[in-house]
N, C-alpha and C. Protein backbone atom coordinates (compact mmCIF):
# COMPACT_ATOMS: atom_id res chain seq x y z
N MET A 1 163.61 143.23 267.54
CA MET A 1 162.46 143.79 268.20
C MET A 1 162.44 145.29 267.97
N ARG A 2 161.32 145.81 267.54
CA ARG A 2 161.19 147.24 267.27
C ARG A 2 161.26 148.05 268.56
N THR A 3 161.94 149.17 268.51
CA THR A 3 162.05 150.05 269.67
C THR A 3 161.34 151.36 269.35
N GLU A 4 160.47 151.77 270.25
CA GLU A 4 159.73 153.02 270.09
C GLU A 4 160.65 154.21 270.32
N ASN A 5 160.27 155.35 269.79
CA ASN A 5 160.95 156.60 270.09
C ASN A 5 160.62 156.95 271.54
N PRO A 6 161.61 157.00 272.44
CA PRO A 6 161.32 157.28 273.85
C PRO A 6 160.55 158.58 274.07
N ASP A 7 160.74 159.57 273.20
CA ASP A 7 160.03 160.85 273.37
C ASP A 7 158.53 160.72 273.12
N SER A 8 158.11 159.67 272.42
CA SER A 8 156.69 159.50 272.10
C SER A 8 155.95 158.70 273.16
N LEU A 9 156.64 158.20 274.18
CA LEU A 9 156.01 157.36 275.19
C LEU A 9 155.41 158.19 276.32
N LYS A 10 154.44 157.62 277.01
CA LYS A 10 153.84 158.26 278.18
C LYS A 10 154.58 157.76 279.42
N TRP A 11 155.49 158.59 279.92
CA TRP A 11 156.36 158.22 281.03
C TRP A 11 155.67 158.47 282.36
N ARG A 12 155.92 157.57 283.32
CA ARG A 12 155.43 157.73 284.69
C ARG A 12 156.63 157.73 285.62
N LYS A 13 156.69 158.74 286.47
CA LYS A 13 157.81 158.88 287.39
C LYS A 13 157.45 158.28 288.75
N SER A 14 158.41 157.62 289.36
CA SER A 14 158.21 157.07 290.70
C SER A 14 157.93 158.18 291.70
N SER A 15 156.98 157.96 292.59
CA SER A 15 156.69 158.95 293.63
C SER A 15 157.85 159.06 294.62
N PHE A 16 158.76 158.10 294.61
CA PHE A 16 159.94 158.12 295.48
C PHE A 16 161.09 158.88 294.84
N SER A 17 160.88 159.44 293.65
CA SER A 17 161.94 160.12 292.92
C SER A 17 161.86 161.63 293.03
N GLY A 18 161.16 162.15 294.01
CA GLY A 18 161.00 163.59 294.15
C GLY A 18 162.30 164.29 294.49
N GLY A 19 162.27 165.62 294.47
CA GLY A 19 163.45 166.43 294.74
C GLY A 19 163.92 166.38 296.17
N GLY A 20 163.04 166.05 297.10
CA GLY A 20 163.43 165.99 298.50
C GLY A 20 163.17 164.61 299.06
N GLY A 21 163.31 164.47 300.34
CA GLY A 21 163.02 163.20 300.99
C GLY A 21 164.00 162.11 300.62
N THR A 22 163.51 160.88 300.64
CA THR A 22 164.39 159.73 300.42
C THR A 22 164.85 159.60 298.99
N GLY A 23 164.11 160.19 298.03
CA GLY A 23 164.50 160.08 296.63
C GLY A 23 165.73 160.90 296.29
N GLY A 24 165.92 162.02 296.99
CA GLY A 24 167.09 162.85 296.76
C GLY A 24 167.21 163.38 295.35
N GLY A 25 166.11 163.44 294.61
CA GLY A 25 166.17 163.96 293.25
C GLY A 25 166.53 162.92 292.20
N ASN A 26 166.74 161.67 292.61
CA ASN A 26 167.00 160.61 291.64
C ASN A 26 165.68 160.21 291.01
N CYS A 27 165.60 160.27 289.70
CA CYS A 27 164.32 160.08 289.03
C CYS A 27 164.31 158.86 288.14
N VAL A 28 163.41 157.94 288.43
CA VAL A 28 163.22 156.75 287.62
C VAL A 28 161.85 156.88 286.96
N GLU A 29 161.80 156.64 285.65
CA GLU A 29 160.55 156.69 284.91
C GLU A 29 160.33 155.37 284.18
N ALA A 30 159.07 155.01 284.03
CA ALA A 30 158.71 153.80 283.30
C ALA A 30 157.59 154.13 282.33
N ALA A 31 157.56 153.42 281.21
CA ALA A 31 156.51 153.60 280.21
C ALA A 31 156.18 152.25 279.58
N ALA A 32 154.90 152.02 279.34
CA ALA A 32 154.46 150.80 278.66
C ALA A 32 154.55 151.01 277.15
N LEU A 33 155.04 150.02 276.44
CA LEU A 33 155.12 150.07 275.00
C LEU A 33 153.96 149.29 274.38
N PRO A 34 153.56 149.63 273.15
CA PRO A 34 152.44 148.94 272.51
C PRO A 34 152.64 147.43 272.38
N ASP A 35 153.90 146.97 272.30
CA ASP A 35 154.15 145.54 272.15
C ASP A 35 154.19 144.80 273.48
N GLY A 36 153.91 145.51 274.60
CA GLY A 36 153.86 144.87 275.90
C GLY A 36 155.11 145.03 276.74
N ARG A 37 156.20 145.47 276.13
CA ARG A 37 157.42 145.67 276.91
C ARG A 37 157.30 146.91 277.78
N ILE A 38 158.23 147.05 278.72
CA ILE A 38 158.29 148.20 279.61
C ILE A 38 159.63 148.90 279.38
N ALA A 39 159.58 150.22 279.23
CA ALA A 39 160.79 151.02 279.07
C ALA A 39 161.10 151.69 280.41
N ILE A 40 162.38 151.73 280.76
CA ILE A 40 162.85 152.36 282.01
C ILE A 40 163.96 153.33 281.63
N ARG A 41 163.94 154.53 282.26
CA ARG A 41 165.01 155.49 282.02
C ARG A 41 165.20 156.39 283.24
N ASN A 42 166.30 157.10 283.23
CA ASN A 42 166.61 158.10 284.24
C ASN A 42 166.06 159.42 283.71
N SER A 43 165.05 159.98 284.37
CA SER A 43 164.43 161.19 283.84
C SER A 43 165.33 162.41 283.94
N LYS A 44 166.32 162.37 284.81
CA LYS A 44 167.26 163.49 284.90
C LYS A 44 168.20 163.52 283.70
N ASN A 45 168.43 162.36 283.09
CA ASN A 45 169.32 162.25 281.93
C ASN A 45 168.68 161.33 280.89
N PRO A 46 167.53 161.71 280.31
CA PRO A 46 166.83 160.81 279.40
C PRO A 46 167.60 160.46 278.13
N ASP A 47 168.54 161.29 277.74
CA ASP A 47 169.31 161.00 276.54
C ASP A 47 170.42 159.98 276.78
N ASP A 48 170.61 159.59 278.03
CA ASP A 48 171.64 158.58 278.34
C ASP A 48 171.23 157.18 277.93
N GLY A 49 169.97 157.00 277.58
CA GLY A 49 169.53 155.69 277.12
C GLY A 49 168.30 155.20 277.85
N THR A 50 167.67 154.23 277.24
CA THR A 50 166.46 153.62 277.77
C THR A 50 166.65 152.12 277.76
N ALA A 51 166.28 151.48 278.86
CA ALA A 51 166.34 150.02 278.96
C ALA A 51 164.94 149.47 278.71
N TYR A 52 164.86 148.36 277.98
CA TYR A 52 163.58 147.75 277.64
C TYR A 52 163.51 146.35 278.22
N PHE A 53 162.37 146.04 278.84
CA PHE A 53 162.19 144.75 279.50
C PHE A 53 160.84 144.16 279.12
N THR A 54 160.74 142.84 279.15
CA THR A 54 159.45 142.19 278.98
C THR A 54 158.68 142.33 280.30
N ARG A 55 157.39 142.11 280.24
CA ARG A 55 156.58 142.16 281.46
C ARG A 55 157.02 141.07 282.44
N THR A 56 157.43 139.91 281.94
CA THR A 56 157.92 138.84 282.81
C THR A 56 159.17 139.27 283.55
N GLU A 57 160.09 139.93 282.84
CA GLU A 57 161.32 140.43 283.47
C GLU A 57 161.01 141.48 284.53
N ILE A 58 160.12 142.42 284.21
CA ILE A 58 159.76 143.47 285.17
C ILE A 58 159.08 142.85 286.39
N HIS A 59 158.20 141.89 286.18
CA HIS A 59 157.52 141.23 287.29
C HIS A 59 158.53 140.57 288.23
N ALA A 60 159.49 139.85 287.66
CA ALA A 60 160.50 139.18 288.49
C ALA A 60 161.34 140.20 289.26
N TRP A 61 161.70 141.29 288.61
CA TRP A 61 162.50 142.34 289.25
C TRP A 61 161.72 142.97 290.40
N LEU A 62 160.44 143.32 290.16
CA LEU A 62 159.63 143.94 291.21
C LEU A 62 159.41 142.98 292.38
N GLN A 63 159.21 141.71 292.09
CA GLN A 63 159.07 140.73 293.17
C GLN A 63 160.35 140.67 294.01
N GLY A 64 161.50 140.72 293.35
CA GLY A 64 162.77 140.73 294.06
C GLY A 64 162.94 141.97 294.92
N ILE A 65 162.51 143.12 294.39
CA ILE A 65 162.58 144.36 295.17
C ILE A 65 161.69 144.26 296.40
N LYS A 66 160.47 143.80 296.21
CA LYS A 66 159.54 143.68 297.33
C LYS A 66 160.04 142.70 298.38
N ALA A 67 160.79 141.69 297.96
CA ALA A 67 161.32 140.69 298.88
C ALA A 67 162.63 141.14 299.54
N GLY A 68 163.13 142.32 299.14
CA GLY A 68 164.36 142.85 299.75
C GLY A 68 165.64 142.30 299.15
N GLU A 69 165.55 141.64 298.00
CA GLU A 69 166.74 141.03 297.39
C GLU A 69 167.79 142.03 296.92
N PHE A 70 167.41 143.29 296.77
CA PHE A 70 168.35 144.29 296.27
C PHE A 70 168.64 145.37 297.30
N ASP A 71 168.24 145.16 298.54
CA ASP A 71 168.42 146.17 299.59
C ASP A 71 169.89 146.53 299.81
N ASP A 72 170.78 145.58 299.57
CA ASP A 72 172.21 145.86 299.78
C ASP A 72 172.78 146.82 298.73
N LEU A 73 172.04 147.09 297.66
CA LEU A 73 172.50 148.01 296.62
C LEU A 73 172.14 149.46 296.92
N ALA A 74 171.28 149.68 297.89
CA ALA A 74 170.84 151.04 298.21
C ALA A 74 171.67 151.63 299.34
């Protein structure tokens, strides 16, 4: 599967990733790729790598988050 250059993507940062408040400066960014996948990275350390997921995988993950399945990790 072809991987885009992360620097060429249009990244969107979570509104919960701000410098203050509950985000504490932890920054998560996501970008849509032309082939339909979603790229996720840490905006504070973008050179540390980018994870790529299908839309089905992202949907399942977000549903789990909304259902509280990962609350014990926070």
